[in-house]
């Protein structure tokens, strides 16, 4: 049976409880999903934004003899991690994550970040620093629940997914309602494809995402997301064969008329594809890499 997704504070199968943050937006759908896992001693996965009402709702979801001992963060975006420090202060729980916001970057993305002209950095929680770093494959046990951390960058370099039995908490890497934003240097297309492969190899029965409803057919959804990115890659490759192009122009050509915030996200996705093709020696670029940098065929 899947995790209950009907009401805040309800207990679903596997002892997983779901609390929805009140931060709906075009980028978060109905809001950020916070999850409670374990009995007695409880882990919170993604405390969400810094919102006192949401933190109170998380605490209200505890049983009378329960306490939060672990705060697990999938990645350092403000809508997932900003509430961690405040929740830790209220409960005395330790925080866990892969590392600081820049942790886990590929060598290419680290170099591009150091060059300082790429931009990006949308919604980063620059103050996030976990009490304990969880390496890829690290395991912890909380309230009878054994949780395994998997490093799954792509959407964000320090992104972790958490495996518990046949459930995987997939953060923003795999969501049912939309594909994720890949915004270099925090996002990396090659790492994203590797993360999809990693999650697929775990063969979960359900994915519980950072936003949206439970995903009850994970292999199918992962396949859809992989196919979507490959189709987008083919579109962008075709466009570069026609003429040199920048990410801003590509986004307008491919996505059409979008609200400014969504268009910016689409532009960053296009840039991620262009950088990936550059890394594979399919494209070259003159000057620093930005949204307006012109990429052309070698």
Protein backbone atom coordinates (compact mmCIF):
# COMPACT_ATOMS: atom_id res chain seq x y z
CA UNK A 1 0.00 0.00 0.00
CA UNK A 2 1.27 3.49 -0.77
CA UNK A 3 1.88 6.24 1.70
CA UNK A 4 -1.30 8.13 2.54
CA UNK A 5 -1.40 11.48 0.72
CA UNK A 6 -4.81 12.71 1.80
CA UNK A 7 -4.28 14.81 4.91
CA UNK A 8 -1.44 16.32 6.87
CA UNK A 9 -0.45 14.16 9.81
CA UNK A 10 -2.07 10.93 8.59
CA UNK A 11 -0.12 7.70 8.93
CA UNK A 12 0.27 5.66 5.77
CA UNK A 13 1.79 2.26 5.17
CA UNK A 14 5.30 1.59 6.48
CA UNK A 15 4.75 4.14 9.30
CA UNK A 16 5.38 7.06 6.94
CA UNK A 17 3.59 10.32 7.74
CA UNK A 18 3.23 13.22 5.34
CA UNK A 19 2.96 16.93 6.17
CA UNK A 20 2.44 19.40 3.30
CA UNK A 21 4.11 22.80 3.59
CA UNK A 22 1.96 25.86 2.76
CA UNK A 23 4.22 27.06 -0.06
CA UNK A 24 2.38 26.30 -3.33
CA UNK A 25 3.84 27.84 -6.50
CA UNK A 26 4.44 27.01 -10.15
CA UNK A 27 7.79 25.51 -9.04
CA UNK A 28 6.52 23.55 -6.02
CA UNK A 29 3.02 22.50 -7.15
CA UNK A 30 0.92 22.15 -3.96
CA UNK A 31 3.91 22.73 -1.68
CA UNK A 32 6.90 20.89 -0.26
CA UNK A 33 6.34 17.41 1.13
CA UNK A 34 7.83 16.75 4.56
CA UNK A 35 7.86 13.14 5.72
CA UNK A 36 8.11 11.57 9.16
CA UNK A 37 9.55 8.09 9.41
CA UNK A 38 10.01 5.73 12.36
CA UNK A 39 8.22 5.15 15.62
CA UNK A 40 9.27 6.49 19.00
CA UNK A 41 12.42 8.08 17.67
CA UNK A 42 11.40 9.76 14.42
CA UNK A 43 13.29 11.07 11.38
CA UNK A 44 11.98 14.03 9.39
CA UNK A 45 12.86 14.02 5.70
CA UNK A 46 12.91 17.58 4.31
CA UNK A 47 11.62 19.98 7.00
CA UNK A 48 10.71 22.36 4.18
CA UNK A 49 10.74 26.17 4.17
CA UNK A 50 11.30 28.30 7.24
CA UNK A 51 7.64 28.58 8.19
CA UNK A 52 6.51 28.44 11.82
CA UNK A 53 3.09 27.04 10.96
CA UNK A 54 4.66 24.21 8.98
CA UNK A 55 7.15 23.38 11.72
CA UNK A 56 4.25 23.32 14.19
CA UNK A 57 2.36 20.92 11.91
CA UNK A 58 5.38 18.59 11.79
CA UNK A 59 5.56 18.55 15.59
CA UNK A 60 1.80 18.00 15.81
CA UNK A 61 2.15 14.85 13.68
CA UNK A 62 4.16 13.17 16.45
CA UNK A 63 2.58 10.70 18.83
CA UNK A 64 2.51 11.46 22.57
CA UNK A 65 5.63 9.39 23.27
CA UNK A 66 7.57 10.32 20.14
CA UNK A 67 10.45 12.70 19.52
CA UNK A 68 12.32 13.86 16.44
CA UNK A 69 15.94 12.68 16.61
CA UNK A 70 17.11 13.01 12.98
CA UNK A 71 16.45 15.70 10.36
CA UNK A 72 17.35 14.47 6.87
CA UNK A 73 17.66 16.91 3.97
CA UNK A 74 17.53 15.84 0.33
CA UNK A 75 19.17 19.03 -0.94
CA UNK A 76 19.98 22.63 -0.05
CA UNK A 77 17.13 24.49 -1.71
CA UNK A 78 15.20 26.90 0.50
CA UNK A 79 11.92 25.07 0.02
CA UNK A 80 13.46 21.85 1.39
CA UNK A 81 16.18 22.75 3.88
CA UNK A 82 15.50 26.23 5.30
CA UNK A 83 13.42 24.88 8.18
CA UNK A 84 16.13 22.45 9.31
CA UNK A 85 17.95 24.74 11.73
CA UNK A 86 14.76 25.96 13.40
CA UNK A 87 13.39 22.43 13.74
CA UNK A 88 16.69 21.29 15.21
CA UNK A 89 16.54 24.11 17.75
CA UNK A 90 13.00 23.10 18.78
CA UNK A 91 13.76 19.38 19.11
CA UNK A 92 17.47 18.96 19.75
CA UNK A 93 17.67 16.69 16.70
CA UNK A 94 20.79 16.56 14.54
CA UNK A 95 20.69 17.47 10.84
CA UNK A 96 21.97 15.17 8.10
CA UNK A 97 22.76 15.83 4.44
CA UNK A 98 25.38 15.20 1.78
CA UNK A 99 27.23 18.39 2.67
CA UNK A 100 27.28 22.12 2.00
CA UNK A 101 25.39 23.46 -1.06
CA UNK A 102 28.42 23.16 -3.36
CA UNK A 103 29.27 19.60 -2.29
CA UNK A 104 29.08 16.93 -4.96
CA UNK A 105 29.73 19.11 -7.99
CA UNK A 106 31.39 17.48 -10.97
CA UNK A 107 34.81 18.79 -11.97
CA UNK A 108 33.25 20.62 -14.94
CA UNK A 109 30.58 22.32 -12.84
CA UNK A 110 33.10 23.28 -10.18
CA UNK A 111 35.29 24.88 -12.85
CA UNK A 112 32.34 26.76 -14.33
CA UNK A 113 31.30 27.94 -10.86
CA UNK A 114 34.80 29.24 -10.16
CA UNK A 115 34.79 31.18 -13.42
CA UNK A 116 31.92 33.10 -11.86
CA UNK A 117 29.86 34.15 -14.89
CA UNK A 118 27.47 31.24 -15.29
CA UNK A 119 24.81 32.50 -12.92
CA UNK A 120 22.43 29.93 -11.49
CA UNK A 121 22.01 29.65 -7.76
CA UNK A 122 18.22 29.87 -7.84
CA UNK A 123 16.70 29.28 -4.42
CA UNK A 124 19.87 27.98 -2.77
CA UNK A 125 19.99 27.76 1.00
CA UNK A 126 23.52 29.13 1.35
CA UNK A 127 23.38 28.75 5.13
CA UNK A 128 22.72 25.02 5.05
CA UNK A 129 25.46 22.97 6.66
CA UNK A 130 24.43 19.61 8.14
CA UNK A 131 25.67 18.46 11.53
CA UNK A 132 26.52 15.12 9.91
CA UNK A 133 27.50 14.42 6.30
CA UNK A 134 26.01 11.29 4.77
CA UNK A 135 28.24 9.69 2.15
CA UNK A 136 26.75 7.77 -0.75
CA UNK A 137 25.49 4.46 0.61
CA UNK A 138 25.55 5.55 4.27
CA UNK A 139 22.95 3.91 6.52
CA UNK A 140 21.25 5.11 9.67
CA UNK A 141 18.57 3.49 11.82
CA UNK A 142 15.84 5.59 13.42
CA UNK A 143 12.89 4.25 15.37
CA UNK A 144 13.22 0.81 13.79
CA UNK A 145 13.55 2.21 10.27
CA UNK A 146 16.81 1.56 8.41
CA UNK A 147 17.44 4.34 5.91
CA UNK A 148 20.08 4.30 3.16
CA UNK A 149 21.31 7.53 1.59
CA UNK A 150 22.02 7.59 -2.15
CA UNK A 151 23.85 10.50 -3.77
CA UNK A 152 21.63 11.48 -6.71
CA UNK A 153 22.86 14.81 -8.15
CA UNK A 154 21.56 16.30 -11.36
CA UNK A 155 18.91 18.68 -10.09
CA UNK A 156 21.33 19.80 -7.37
CA UNK A 157 24.87 18.72 -6.61
CA UNK A 158 24.34 17.75 -2.95
CA UNK A 159 21.07 15.91 -3.60
CA UNK A 160 20.39 12.73 -1.65
CA UNK A 161 17.58 10.24 -2.11
CA UNK A 162 16.63 8.10 0.89
CA UNK A 163 15.76 4.41 0.61
CA UNK A 164 13.56 2.73 3.21
CA UNK A 165 12.49 -0.80 2.33
CA UNK A 166 10.77 -0.63 -1.03
CA UNK A 167 10.13 3.12 -0.75
CA UNK A 168 12.56 5.77 -1.99
CA UNK A 169 12.22 9.43 -1.08
CA UNK A 170 13.36 10.98 -4.37
CA UNK A 171 13.38 14.70 -3.52
CA UNK A 172 13.29 16.75 -6.71
CA UNK A 173 15.08 14.26 -8.98
CA UNK A 174 11.92 12.33 -9.84
CA UNK A 175 8.50 13.92 -9.46
CA UNK A 176 5.22 12.76 -10.91
CA UNK A 177 3.75 16.10 -11.91
CA UNK A 178 6.69 17.62 -13.83
CA UNK A 179 10.31 17.15 -14.83
CA UNK A 180 12.94 18.81 -12.68
CA UNK A 181 14.96 21.96 -13.34
CA UNK A 182 18.63 21.43 -14.18
CA UNK A 183 20.40 24.76 -13.68
CA UNK A 184 24.22 24.71 -14.00
CA UNK A 185 26.49 24.81 -12.07
CA UNK A 186 24.16 23.47 -9.36
CA UNK A 187 22.47 21.17 -11.84
CA UNK A 188 24.25 18.83 -14.24
CA UNK A 189 22.60 16.92 -17.10
CA UNK A 190 25.08 14.03 -17.14
CA UNK A 191 24.65 13.58 -13.39
CA UNK A 192 20.88 13.69 -13.81
CA UNK A 193 20.87 10.76 -16.22
CA UNK A 194 23.15 8.84 -13.83
CA UNK A 195 20.74 9.61 -10.95
CA UNK A 196 17.81 8.23 -12.94
CA UNK A 197 19.79 5.04 -13.57
CA UNK A 198 20.66 4.80 -9.87
CA UNK A 199 17.06 5.17 -8.72
CA UNK A 200 15.86 2.68 -11.31
CA UNK A 201 18.44 0.13 -10.13
CA UNK A 202 16.95 0.25 -6.62
CA UNK A 203 13.66 -1.14 -8.03
CA UNK A 204 11.43 0.68 -5.53
CA UNK A 205 7.72 -0.04 -5.27
CA UNK A 206 6.98 3.65 -4.77
CA UNK A 207 8.75 6.99 -4.92
CA UNK A 208 7.81 9.75 -2.51
CA UNK A 209 8.86 13.01 -4.14
CA UNK A 210 9.63 16.43 -2.74
CA UNK A 211 6.50 17.79 -4.43
CA UNK A 212 3.38 16.07 -5.67
CA UNK A 213 1.66 12.75 -5.08
CA UNK A 214 3.32 9.35 -4.52
CA UNK A 215 4.67 7.72 -7.67
CA UNK A 216 3.32 4.17 -7.71
CA UNK A 217 4.93 3.04 -10.99
CA UNK A 218 8.54 4.23 -10.52
CA UNK A 219 10.13 2.39 -13.44
CA UNK A 220 7.54 3.79 -15.84
CA UNK A 221 7.93 7.34 -14.52
CA UNK A 222 11.73 7.19 -14.64
CA UNK A 223 11.48 5.94 -18.22
CA UNK A 224 9.19 8.83 -19.11
CA UNK A 225 11.59 11.38 -17.65
CA UNK A 226 14.59 9.84 -19.41
CA UNK A 227 12.71 9.82 -22.74
CA UNK A 228 11.64 13.43 -22.22
CA UNK A 229 15.22 14.60 -21.70
CA UNK A 230 16.50 12.61 -24.66
CA UNK A 231 13.79 14.10 -26.88
CA UNK A 232 14.67 17.59 -25.66
CA UNK A 233 18.34 16.85 -26.32
CA UNK A 234 17.48 15.85 -29.90
CA UNK A 235 15.53 19.12 -30.39
CA UNK A 236 18.46 21.18 -29.18
CA UNK A 237 20.96 19.23 -31.27
CA UNK A 238 18.83 19.83 -34.37
CA UNK A 239 18.67 23.55 -33.60
CA UNK A 240 22.46 23.78 -33.32
CA UNK A 241 22.82 22.13 -36.71
CA UNK A 242 20.71 24.91 -38.24
CA UNK A 243 22.59 27.85 -36.73
CA UNK A 244 24.69 28.93 -33.73
CA UNK A 245 22.37 29.62 -30.82
CA UNK A 246 22.23 30.66 -27.16
CA UNK A 247 20.15 29.14 -24.34
CA UNK A 248 17.82 32.16 -24.14
CA UNK A 249 16.88 31.94 -27.82
CA UNK A 250 16.53 28.17 -27.64
CA UNK A 251 14.11 28.35 -24.74
CA UNK A 252 11.85 30.77 -26.60
CA UNK A 253 11.97 28.60 -29.72
CA UNK A 254 11.27 25.31 -27.96
CA UNK A 255 9.00 26.26 -25.06
CA UNK A 256 7.12 29.18 -26.61
CA UNK A 257 5.42 31.91 -24.60
CA UNK A 258 5.87 31.22 -20.90
CA UNK A 259 5.63 33.32 -17.71
CA UNK A 260 9.03 34.90 -16.97
CA UNK A 261 9.89 32.63 -14.02
CA UNK A 262 9.06 29.45 -15.94
CA UNK A 263 10.89 30.73 -19.03
CA UNK A 264 14.00 31.31 -16.91
CA UNK A 265 13.86 27.71 -15.69
CA UNK A 266 13.45 26.52 -19.29
CA UNK A 267 16.46 28.63 -20.31
CA UNK A 268 18.59 26.97 -17.63
CA UNK A 269 17.47 23.54 -18.82
CA UNK A 270 18.52 24.44 -22.36
CA UNK A 271 21.87 25.67 -21.07
CA UNK A 272 22.42 22.34 -19.29
CA UNK A 273 21.94 20.51 -22.59
CA UNK A 274 24.29 22.88 -24.44
CA UNK A 275 27.00 22.44 -21.80
CA UNK A 276 26.62 18.67 -21.98
CA UNK A 277 27.11 18.76 -25.76
CA UNK A 278 30.11 21.05 -25.31
CA UNK A 279 31.64 18.58 -22.86
CA UNK A 280 31.17 15.83 -25.45
CA UNK A 281 33.03 17.98 -28.04
CA UNK A 282 29.93 18.37 -30.17
CA UNK A 283 29.75 22.15 -29.62
CA UNK A 284 32.13 25.00 -28.96
CA UNK A 285 31.52 28.35 -27.30
CA UNK A 286 33.35 31.64 -27.55
CA UNK A 287 33.87 33.49 -24.29
CA UNK A 288 32.35 32.80 -20.87
CA UNK A 289 29.35 30.50 -20.56
CA UNK A 290 26.14 32.40 -19.80
CA UNK A 291 22.52 32.19 -20.91
CA UNK A 292 23.46 34.45 -23.84
CA UNK A 293 26.67 32.64 -24.84
CA UNK A 294 26.61 31.45 -28.45
CA UNK A 295 27.18 27.73 -28.97
CA UNK A 296 28.01 26.37 -32.42
CA UNK A 297 28.83 23.06 -34.04
CA UNK A 298 32.48 22.04 -34.14
